[in-house]
Amino acid sequence: MSTTARSRRILGAAAIGAAALIAIPATANAGYAGAQSCSLAKQKGMTNLFPTPSQQSNPTATVLGPDNNVWFTEQGSNAIGRITPQGAITEFPLPSAGSGPLDITVGPDGNLWFTEANAPRIGRITPAGVITEFTLPWASGAQSAQGITAGPDGNLWFTQSTANIGRITPAGVMTQFPIPIGSAKGQDIIAGPGGVLWASLGGTNGFGLATITTAGAVTTIQTPTGSAPQSLVQGPDGNLWYTDGSLNAITRVVPAASAGALPTFTQFPKAVANSEAIGWATAAGKLWFVSGAGQLSSTTTSGVINEYPAANAAVFATWYGTFNPLVLGADSNLWVAETMCDAMAQASTTMTVGMWTTSRPSTVTRGKTYTLKIRSSAKGTAKIAIANMKKRTTILNASVKKGTNTVKVTVPKSLSTTLVGKSTLMVNGIISGLPQSGQASPLTVKK
């Protein structure tokens, strides 16, 4: 089919619901500079920004396509975008106006599948840019699909804005499975540990996770008090990890070892306060996510979190309604959907900007002094604190120079007993002209 031709057809009864097949003329990158003042120059060896052809495109979710290009949704311009490793962007407008494409994944058929947040439809786009839309057969009112993933059964699975999980075959046949909590609103969904689907849920009063078997059996899981899972990923350790919509933390979930047992949850506080985490990518043996205060962050599977600042506060500021705004590209760089900049960002996994420790204790005792080696990319201030999910106490403000600094820090005898036991050692880096950076690492505090 020619990329300039337009046609429409309705699929037969074998596919439940209507579908529209249409090839839309693609739009190539024309050099739009972004809705905000976002630097497009390489930032201190860290980031390149590539503007989308459309203004106010609001890139949202990303996935590495079967063609080794990164594909992404554009909520603002109602299109699907594709960017090559060299930064050339092509946009494919959706046939239905105002659909608001949200999440995107690669299907078992080698095509890209996406959800439409503003319409009761699932979309499919081939690597050549041919778009097909499938209408949810049970849709009513404002019902829409949210997150989407390829399942272990060769089908696509998606969450909904209502208390249901959906399944769609590559041919477009849909089935719906109810979540036992009627107030639930589906968010992210992945194929995760145990050979089942995992979904994050909103509106569930403490039951923020669910598992779904390929037969459609849905089980809700109670999460720690105050925790609101958002983005999900299976880590290189085989466990489930999620970003938290209400706590300044990320969480590791070790699935239950036997039927009837409960998963083990471990919460890891982030160093930079008030910088909600979102999204996941796996690279260089670590898990990567975006922080809303302008950081690209990584964590080891043991919970050592590094938060790297962007040279421009708008960079890495993403739309919190998405689940996977970053992905590891075929070029071994991370690619981030820059909602606030109307651009895609290319970031190295070998960061040189920020402030973090290169040597630190794993266990401390109140009243004793310890040596930290702190690496900083510029002159600044290191705010050192001990914290957990209940309390945070700053114990030293130290001036540091560019390079490696040796800092002596005394743990106060008066340190709150709330922080005794499993805690976190935090180093917040204050460098002029940059958002905060920092490192949070697990720490045991003895009496």
Protein backbone atom coordinates (compact mmCIF):
# COMPACT_ATOMS: atom_id res chain seq x y z
CA MET A 1 0.00 0.00 0.00
CA SER A 2 1.33 3.44 -0.86
CA THR A 3 2.15 5.67 2.10
CA THR A 4 0.01 8.38 0.53
CA ALA A 5 -3.02 6.14 -0.06
CA ARG A 6 -5.93 6.00 2.37
CA SER A 7 -8.31 3.08 2.82
CA ARG A 8 -10.55 1.69 5.51
CA ARG A 9 -12.07 -1.71 6.17
CA ILE A 10 -14.02 -3.43 8.95
CA LEU A 11 -12.72 -6.81 10.08
CA GLY A 12 -15.05 -9.81 10.07
CA ALA A 13 -16.76 -11.53 12.99
CA ALA A 14 -13.68 -13.59 13.83
CA ALA A 15 -12.16 -10.45 15.32
CA ILE A 16 -14.43 -9.07 18.01
CA GLY A 17 -14.75 -5.31 17.65
CA ALA A 18 -14.10 -2.91 14.81
CA ALA A 19 -10.69 -2.19 13.34
CA ALA A 20 -9.48 0.44 10.93
CA LEU A 21 -6.49 -0.21 8.67
CA ILE A 22 -4.90 2.89 7.24
CA ALA A 23 -1.53 4.04 5.98
CA ILE A 24 -0.84 7.63 6.98
CA PRO A 25 1.77 9.85 5.31
CA ALA A 26 4.74 10.02 7.67
CA THR A 27 6.30 13.29 8.80
CA ALA A 28 10.09 13.53 8.89
CA ASN A 29 12.15 15.47 11.41
CA ALA A 30 12.08 19.15 10.46
CA GLY A 31 14.06 20.56 13.38
CA TYR A 32 11.36 21.89 15.74
CA ALA A 33 13.14 23.30 18.78
CA GLY A 34 10.68 22.23 21.49
CA ALA A 35 7.87 23.84 23.45
CA GLN A 36 10.17 24.90 26.26
CA SER A 37 13.69 26.23 26.41
CA CYS A 38 15.50 22.90 26.26
CA SER A 39 19.13 22.72 25.28
CA LEU A 40 19.64 20.59 22.19
CA ALA A 41 23.41 20.57 22.52
CA LYS A 42 25.30 17.68 24.04
CA GLN A 43 25.33 18.33 27.76
CA LYS A 44 28.68 17.67 29.43
CA GLY A 45 29.15 14.36 27.67
CA MET A 46 25.83 13.14 28.94
CA THR A 47 22.85 13.88 26.73
CA ASN A 48 21.71 14.67 23.20
CA LEU A 49 18.21 15.96 22.53
CA PHE A 50 16.41 15.39 19.23
CA PRO A 51 13.27 17.48 18.66
CA THR A 52 10.14 15.94 17.20
CA PRO A 53 8.78 17.33 13.90
CA SER A 54 5.49 18.29 15.59
CA GLN A 55 5.14 21.02 18.16
CA GLN A 56 3.56 20.07 21.51
CA SER A 57 4.01 16.41 20.63
CA ASN A 58 4.52 15.30 24.26
CA PRO A 59 6.50 12.08 23.71
CA THR A 60 5.33 9.65 26.35
CA ALA A 61 6.31 5.96 26.20
CA THR A 62 9.14 4.11 24.45
CA VAL A 63 10.08 0.66 23.20
CA LEU A 64 12.92 -0.81 21.13
CA GLY A 65 11.39 -2.01 17.88
CA PRO A 66 12.24 -5.14 15.88
CA ASP A 67 13.94 -2.85 13.35
CA ASN A 68 16.44 -1.65 16.03
CA ASN A 69 14.84 1.79 16.08
CA VAL A 70 13.16 3.26 19.16
CA TRP A 71 9.39 3.73 18.80
CA PHE A 72 7.40 6.07 21.01
CA THR A 73 3.92 7.46 21.56
CA GLU A 74 3.11 11.14 21.13
CA GLN A 75 0.11 12.08 23.24
CA GLY A 76 0.07 15.71 22.16
CA SER A 77 0.33 15.26 18.38
CA ASN A 78 -1.71 12.03 18.28
CA ALA A 79 1.00 10.07 16.54
CA ILE A 80 3.48 7.24 16.85
CA GLY A 81 7.11 8.28 16.50
CA ARG A 82 10.19 6.39 15.38
CA ILE A 83 13.78 7.49 15.97
CA THR A 84 16.89 5.88 14.51
CA PRO A 85 20.12 5.44 16.51
CA GLN A 86 21.40 8.48 14.58
CA GLY A 87 18.48 10.63 15.78
CA ALA A 88 16.28 10.81 12.66
CA ILE A 89 12.63 11.01 13.73
CA THR A 90 9.59 10.03 11.67
CA GLU A 91 6.02 10.51 12.90
CA PHE A 92 3.02 8.39 11.90
CA PRO A 93 -0.27 10.20 12.68
CA LEU A 94 -3.15 8.11 13.99
CA PRO A 95 -6.24 7.87 11.75
CA SER A 96 -8.59 8.83 14.59
CA ALA A 97 -8.28 12.35 15.97
CA GLY A 98 -7.71 12.90 19.69
CA SER A 99 -6.85 9.27 20.48
CA GLY A 100 -3.93 10.14 22.80
CA PRO A 101 -1.60 7.14 22.33
CA LEU A 102 -0.19 6.21 25.72
CA ASP A 103 1.80 2.98 26.13
CA ILE A 104 3.59 0.92 23.47
CA THR A 105 5.18 -2.53 23.22
CA VAL A 106 6.46 -5.03 20.66
CA GLY A 107 4.01 -7.81 19.86
CA PRO A 108 4.74 -11.48 19.13
CA ASP A 109 3.89 -10.76 15.48
CA GLY A 110 6.81 -8.34 15.07
CA ASN A 111 4.56 -5.28 15.03
CA LEU A 112 4.25 -2.45 17.57
CA TRP A 113 1.07 -2.36 19.68
CA PHE A 114 -0.15 0.66 21.62
CA THR A 115 -2.99 1.85 23.82
CA GLU A 116 -5.13 4.94 23.25
CA ALA A 117 -5.82 6.80 26.49
CA ASN A 118 -8.63 8.97 25.10
CA ALA A 119 -10.50 6.30 23.14
CA PRO A 120 -11.64 2.69 23.68
CA ARG A 121 -9.13 1.27 21.23
CA ILE A 122 -5.91 -0.72 20.90
CA GLY A 123 -3.62 0.22 18.02
CA ARG A 124 -1.12 -1.75 15.94
CA ILE A 125 1.56 -0.29 13.69
CA THR A 126 3.88 -2.24 11.43
CA PRO A 127 7.55 -1.29 11.14
CA ALA A 128 6.59 0.15 7.74
CA GLY A 129 4.06 2.49 9.39
CA VAL A 130 0.68 0.85 8.58
CA ILE A 131 -1.73 1.45 11.44
CA THR A 132 -4.69 -0.75 12.48
CA GLU A 133 -7.07 0.16 15.30
CA PHE A 134 -9.19 -2.34 17.27
CA THR A 135 -12.17 -1.11 19.28
CA LEU A 136 -12.77 -2.59 22.74
CA PRO A 137 -16.05 -4.53 22.23
CA TRP A 138 -17.22 -3.96 25.80
CA ALA A 139 -16.29 -0.28 25.96
CA SER A 140 -18.69 2.20 27.48
CA GLY A 141 -18.31 5.79 28.61
CA ALA A 142 -14.72 6.89 29.20
CA GLN A 143 -13.30 3.36 29.34
CA SER A 144 -9.87 3.03 27.75
CA ALA A 145 -6.76 0.86 27.71
CA GLN A 146 -3.70 2.00 29.67
CA GLY A 147 -0.55 -0.18 29.86
CA ILE A 148 0.21 -2.94 27.35
CA THR A 149 2.72 -5.78 27.11
CA ALA A 150 3.42 -8.98 25.21
CA GLY A 151 2.45 -12.00 27.29
CA PRO A 152 4.16 -15.38 27.57
CA ASP A 153 1.22 -16.96 25.67
CA GLY A 154 1.79 -15.13 22.37
CA ASN A 155 -0.96 -12.56 22.99
CA LEU A 156 -0.99 -8.92 24.08
CA TRP A 157 -2.28 -8.03 27.55
CA PHE A 158 -3.41 -4.61 28.70
CA THR A 159 -4.80 -2.80 31.73
CA GLN A 160 -7.91 -0.64 31.59
CA SER A 161 -9.21 2.50 33.23
CA THR A 162 -11.85 0.25 34.80
CA ALA A 163 -11.39 -2.80 37.05
CA ASN A 164 -10.51 -5.18 34.22
CA ILE A 165 -7.52 -6.73 32.47
CA GLY A 166 -7.76 -7.20 28.70
CA ARG A 167 -6.20 -9.70 26.31
CA ILE A 168 -5.95 -9.26 22.54
CA THR A 169 -4.65 -11.82 20.08
CA PRO A 170 -2.44 -10.73 17.16
CA ALA A 171 -5.55 -11.15 15.00
CA GLY A 172 -7.50 -8.66 17.12
CA VAL A 173 -9.76 -10.96 19.19
CA MET A 174 -10.29 -9.48 22.67
CA THR A 175 -11.23 -10.98 26.04
CA GLN A 176 -11.79 -9.19 29.34
CA PHE A 177 -11.01 -10.46 32.85
CA PRO A 178 -12.35 -8.65 35.95
CA ILE A 179 -10.12 -7.51 38.81
CA PRO A 180 -11.72 -8.61 42.11
CA ILE A 181 -11.53 -5.08 43.54
CA GLY A 182 -14.19 -3.06 41.75
CA SER A 183 -12.53 0.31 42.41
CA ALA A 184 -9.27 -0.75 40.74
CA LYS A 185 -7.84 1.25 37.86
CA GLY A 186 -5.18 -0.53 35.82
CA GLN A 187 -1.81 1.12 35.22
CA ASP A 188 1.36 -0.65 34.06
CA ILE A 189 1.49 -4.32 33.06
CA ILE A 190 4.45 -6.61 32.29
CA ALA A 191 5.28 -10.27 31.78
CA GLY A 192 7.13 -10.86 35.03
CA PRO A 193 8.44 -13.41 37.52
CA GLY A 194 6.72 -16.77 37.77
CA GLY A 195 5.51 -16.89 34.17
CA VAL A 196 2.53 -14.63 34.93
CA LEU A 197 1.54 -11.06 34.11
CA TRP A 198 1.97 -8.41 36.80
CA ALA A 199 -0.07 -5.20 36.89
CA SER A 200 0.05 -2.06 39.03
CA LEU A 201 -3.32 -0.85 40.24
CA GLY A 202 -4.71 2.45 41.47
CA GLY A 203 -7.81 2.97 43.60
CA THR A 204 -7.39 -0.29 45.52
CA ASN A 205 -6.85 0.85 49.13
CA GLY A 206 -3.53 -0.89 49.70
CA PHE A 207 -3.80 -3.66 47.11
CA GLY A 208 -1.55 -2.03 44.54
CA LEU A 209 -0.36 -5.10 42.61
CA ALA A 210 -2.01 -7.98 40.82
CA THR A 211 -0.88 -11.12 39.04
CA ILE A 212 -2.73 -12.53 36.03
CA THR A 213 -2.28 -16.04 34.68
CA THR A 214 -2.53 -16.63 30.94
CA ALA A 215 -5.88 -18.28 31.68
CA GLY A 216 -7.10 -14.96 33.08
CA ALA A 217 -7.07 -15.64 36.83
CA VAL A 218 -6.45 -12.32 38.62
CA THR A 219 -5.00 -12.19 42.16
CA THR A 220 -4.52 -8.89 44.00
CA ILE A 221 -1.53 -8.40 46.30
CA GLN A 222 -1.38 -6.12 49.32
CA THR A 223 1.52 -3.65 49.21
CA PRO A 224 3.22 -1.81 52.11
CA THR A 225 1.23 0.94 53.79
CA GLY A 226 1.25 4.14 51.74
CA SER A 227 2.85 2.47 48.72
CA ALA A 228 1.37 3.13 45.27
CA PRO A 229 3.11 1.05 42.57
CA GLN A 230 3.37 2.64 39.12
CA SER A 231 6.01 1.46 36.64
CA LEU A 232 6.99 -2.23 36.74
CA VAL A 233 10.01 -4.20 35.55
CA GLN A 234 11.58 -7.60 36.07
CA GLY A 235 15.13 -6.95 37.19
CA PRO A 236 18.30 -8.85 36.28
CA ASP A 237 17.90 -10.52 39.69
CA GLY A 238 14.62 -12.11 38.54
CA ASN A 239 12.56 -10.05 41.00
CA LEU A 240 9.83 -7.49 40.38
CA TRP A 241 10.69 -3.81 40.87
CA TYR A 242 8.34 -0.84 40.90
CA THR A 243 8.48 2.92 41.13
CA ASP A 244 6.25 4.46 43.77
CA GLY A 245 3.69 7.14 43.09
CA SER A 246 3.40 8.28 46.71
CA LEU A 247 6.79 7.64 48.32
CA ASN A 248 10.22 9.01 47.43
CA ALA A 249 11.39 5.46 46.87
CA ILE A 250 11.63 2.41 44.64
CA THR A 251 10.62 -1.07 45.75
CA ARG A 252 11.88 -4.60 45.16
CA VAL A 253 9.38 -7.46 45.34
CA VAL A 254 10.64 -11.01 45.85
CA PRO A 255 7.73 -13.27 44.78
CA ALA A 256 6.32 -15.73 47.31
CA ALA A 257 8.24 -19.00 47.49
CA SER A 258 5.09 -21.11 47.86
CA ALA A 259 1.34 -20.92 47.32
CA GLY A 260 -0.41 -18.93 50.01
CA ALA A 261 2.75 -17.13 51.12
CA LEU A 262 3.25 -13.38 50.70
CA PRO A 263 5.90 -11.62 48.60
CA THR A 264 8.77 -9.84 50.36
CA PHE A 265 8.84 -6.08 49.84
CA THR A 266 11.98 -3.97 50.32
CA GLN A 267 11.70 -0.20 49.94
CA PHE A 268 14.76 1.84 49.00
CA PRO A 269 14.52 5.61 49.67
CA LYS A 270 15.91 7.92 46.98
CA ALA A 271 18.58 10.48 47.81
CA VAL A 272 16.93 13.45 46.09
CA ALA A 273 13.76 14.39 47.95
CA ASN A 274 10.49 15.22 46.19
CA SER A 275 11.63 13.67 42.91
CA GLU A 276 9.16 10.93 42.13
CA ALA A 277 10.58 8.05 40.08
CA ILE A 278 8.96 6.77 36.89
CA GLY A 279 9.76 4.20 34.20
CA TRP A 280 12.35 1.46 33.91
CA ALA A 281 15.08 0.22 31.60
CA THR A 282 17.74 -2.44 32.15
CA ALA A 283 21.31 -1.63 31.09
CA ALA A 284 24.84 -2.43 32.24
CA GLY A 285 23.53 -4.81 34.91
CA LYS A 286 21.50 -2.03 36.56
CA LEU A 287 17.94 -0.77 36.54
CA TRP A 288 17.40 2.76 35.25
CA PHE A 289 14.57 5.20 35.85
CA VAL A 290 13.69 8.87 35.50
CA SER A 291 13.16 11.27 38.41
CA GLY A 292 10.83 14.21 38.12
CA ALA A 293 13.28 16.74 39.57
CA GLY A 294 15.55 16.40 36.54
CA GLN A 295 17.62 13.25 37.09
CA LEU A 296 18.40 10.07 35.23
CA SER A 297 18.88 7.43 37.91
CA SER A 298 20.16 3.89 38.29
CA THR A 299 19.96 1.25 40.98
CA THR A 300 21.85 -1.95 41.58
CA THR A 301 19.85 -5.01 42.57
CA SER A 302 21.12 -4.50 46.13
CA GLY A 303 19.54 -1.04 46.23
CA VAL A 304 22.45 1.36 45.66
CA ILE A 305 20.77 4.28 43.87
CA ASN A 306 22.69 6.91 41.90
CA GLU A 307 20.82 9.99 40.68
CA TYR A 308 22.54 11.96 37.93
CA PRO A 309 21.51 15.55 37.14
CA ALA A 310 20.73 16.93 33.72
CA ALA A 311 22.37 20.22 32.82
CA ASN A 312 18.91 21.63 32.15
CA ALA A 313 16.09 21.17 34.66
CA ALA A 314 13.60 20.42 31.87
CA VAL A 315 15.62 17.45 30.70
CA PHE A 316 14.24 14.13 31.98
CA ALA A 317 11.13 15.88 33.24
CA THR A 318 8.53 13.39 32.03
CA TRP A 319 4.83 12.87 32.00
CA TYR A 320 3.88 11.00 35.16
CA GLY A 321 0.97 9.33 33.37
CA THR A 322 3.34 7.06 31.46
CA PHE A 323 4.99 3.83 32.54
CA ASN A 324 8.04 3.33 30.31
CA PRO A 325 9.47 6.68 29.19
CA LEU A 326 12.96 5.22 28.71
CA VAL A 327 14.46 2.23 26.93
CA LEU A 328 17.89 0.81 26.10
CA GLY A 329 18.52 1.38 22.39
CA ALA A 330 20.37 -0.75 19.85
CA ASP A 331 23.25 1.76 20.18
CA SER A 332 23.68 0.80 23.90
CA ASN A 333 22.45 4.24 24.98
CA LEU A 334 19.31 5.04 26.93
CA TRP A 335 16.55 6.84 25.03
CA VAL A 336 14.13 8.95 27.04
CA ALA A 337 10.79 10.43 26.00
CA GLU A 338 11.11 14.14 26.85
CA THR A 339 7.51 15.16 27.35
CA MET A 340 8.32 18.70 28.48
CA CYS A 341 10.82 19.32 25.68
CA ASP A 342 8.92 17.72 22.75
CA ALA A 343 12.05 15.73 22.07
CA MET A 344 13.77 12.39 22.49
CA ALA A 345 16.92 12.30 24.62
CA GLN A 346 19.90 10.04 24.11
CA ALA A 347 21.83 9.39 27.33
CA SER A 348 24.93 7.38 28.10
CA THR A 349 24.87 4.74 30.84
CA THR A 350 28.37 5.89 31.80
CA MET A 351 27.63 9.07 33.69
CA THR A 352 30.28 11.65 34.59
CA VAL A 353 28.07 14.41 35.99
CA GLY A 354 26.97 14.62 39.62
CA MET A 355 28.12 13.65 43.10
CA TRP A 356 28.36 10.19 44.65
CA THR A 357 30.54 8.08 46.95
CA THR A 358 33.29 5.82 45.69
CA SER A 359 33.95 4.38 49.15
CA ARG A 360 31.59 4.24 52.15
CA PRO A 361 30.79 2.07 55.19
CA SER A 362 27.96 -0.47 55.06
CA THR A 363 27.59 -0.57 58.85
CA VAL A 364 27.99 2.30 61.35
CA THR A 365 27.66 2.75 65.10
CA ARG A 366 26.29 5.85 66.78
CA GLY A 367 29.04 8.05 68.21
CA LYS A 368 31.78 6.82 65.84
CA THR A 369 33.53 8.58 62.93
CA TYR A 370 33.85 7.19 59.40
CA THR A 371 35.61 8.10 56.16
CA LEU A 372 33.74 8.63 52.89
CA LYS A 373 35.29 9.21 49.50
CA ILE A 374 33.01 11.47 47.49
CA ARG A 375 33.40 12.02 43.76
CA SER A 376 32.07 15.30 42.36
CA SER A 377 32.08 16.60 38.78
CA ALA A 378 32.36 20.19 40.05
CA LYS A 379 32.77 22.27 43.18
CA GLY A 380 29.73 22.06 45.45
CA THR A 381 28.20 20.90 48.73
CA ALA A 382 27.61 17.34 49.87
CA LYS A 383 24.67 16.99 52.27
CA ILE A 384 25.14 13.68 54.09
CA ALA A 385 22.15 12.11 55.80
CA ILE A 386 20.91 8.87 57.35
CA ALA A 387 17.34 8.00 56.49
CA ASN A 388 14.66 5.36 56.20
CA MET A 389 11.03 5.46 55.09
CA LYS A 390 10.03 7.16 58.36
CA LYS A 391 12.78 9.66 59.13
CA ARG A 392 15.68 11.54 57.55
CA THR A 393 18.47 13.25 59.53
CA THR A 394 21.27 15.33 57.98
CA ILE A 395 24.53 14.70 59.85
CA LEU A 396 27.01 16.80 57.82
CA ASN A 397 27.23 19.54 55.18
CA ALA A 398 30.63 19.30 53.52
CA SER A 399 32.21 21.53 50.87
CA VAL A 400 33.77 19.48 48.10
CA LYS A 401 35.93 20.26 45.09
CA LYS A 402 35.97 18.72 41.62
CA GLY A 403 37.36 15.18 41.74
CA THR A 404 37.62 12.75 44.65
CA ASN A 405 37.24 14.15 48.16
CA THR A 406 37.95 12.48 51.51
CA VAL A 407 35.28 13.42 54.06
CA LYS A 408 35.15 12.48 57.74
CA VAL A 409 31.66 12.08 59.14
CA THR A 410 30.58 11.34 62.71
CA VAL A 411 27.34 9.50 63.38
CA PRO A 412 25.76 11.38 66.33
CA LYS A 413 25.26 9.48 69.57
CA SER A 414 21.90 11.21 69.68
CA LEU A 415 20.80 9.78 66.32
CA SER A 416 17.16 8.76 66.61
CA THR A 417 16.51 5.13 67.47
CA THR A 418 14.03 5.21 64.56
CA LEU A 419 17.09 5.04 62.28
CA VAL A 420 18.75 2.13 64.10
CA GLY A 421 18.76 -1.09 62.09
CA LYS A 422 18.14 -1.09 58.35
CA SER A 423 18.62 2.47 57.05
CA THR A 424 20.10 4.35 54.11
CA LEU A 425 23.21 6.50 53.77
CA MET A 426 22.45 9.48 51.54
CA VAL A 427 24.74 11.91 49.79
CA ASN A 428 22.95 14.82 48.14
CA GLY A 429 25.10 16.80 45.73
CA ILE A 430 24.48 20.52 45.33
CA ILE A 431 26.35 21.77 42.25
CA SER A 432 25.73 25.26 40.88
CA GLY A 433 23.54 25.33 37.77
CA LEU A 434 22.37 21.72 38.06
CA PRO A 435 19.46 19.93 39.67
CA GLN A 436 20.45 17.91 42.73
CA SER A 437 22.35 14.68 42.28
CA GLY A 438 22.98 12.05 44.87
CA GLN A 439 23.46 8.52 46.04
CA ALA A 440 21.43 6.40 48.40
CA SER A 441 22.95 3.13 49.63
CA PRO A 442 21.74 0.55 52.16
CA LEU A 443 23.21 1.05 55.64
CA THR A 444 22.98 -0.80 58.94
CA VAL A 445 23.03 1.47 62.00
CA LYS A 446 24.05 -0.09 65.31
CA LYS A 447 23.23 1.30 68.73
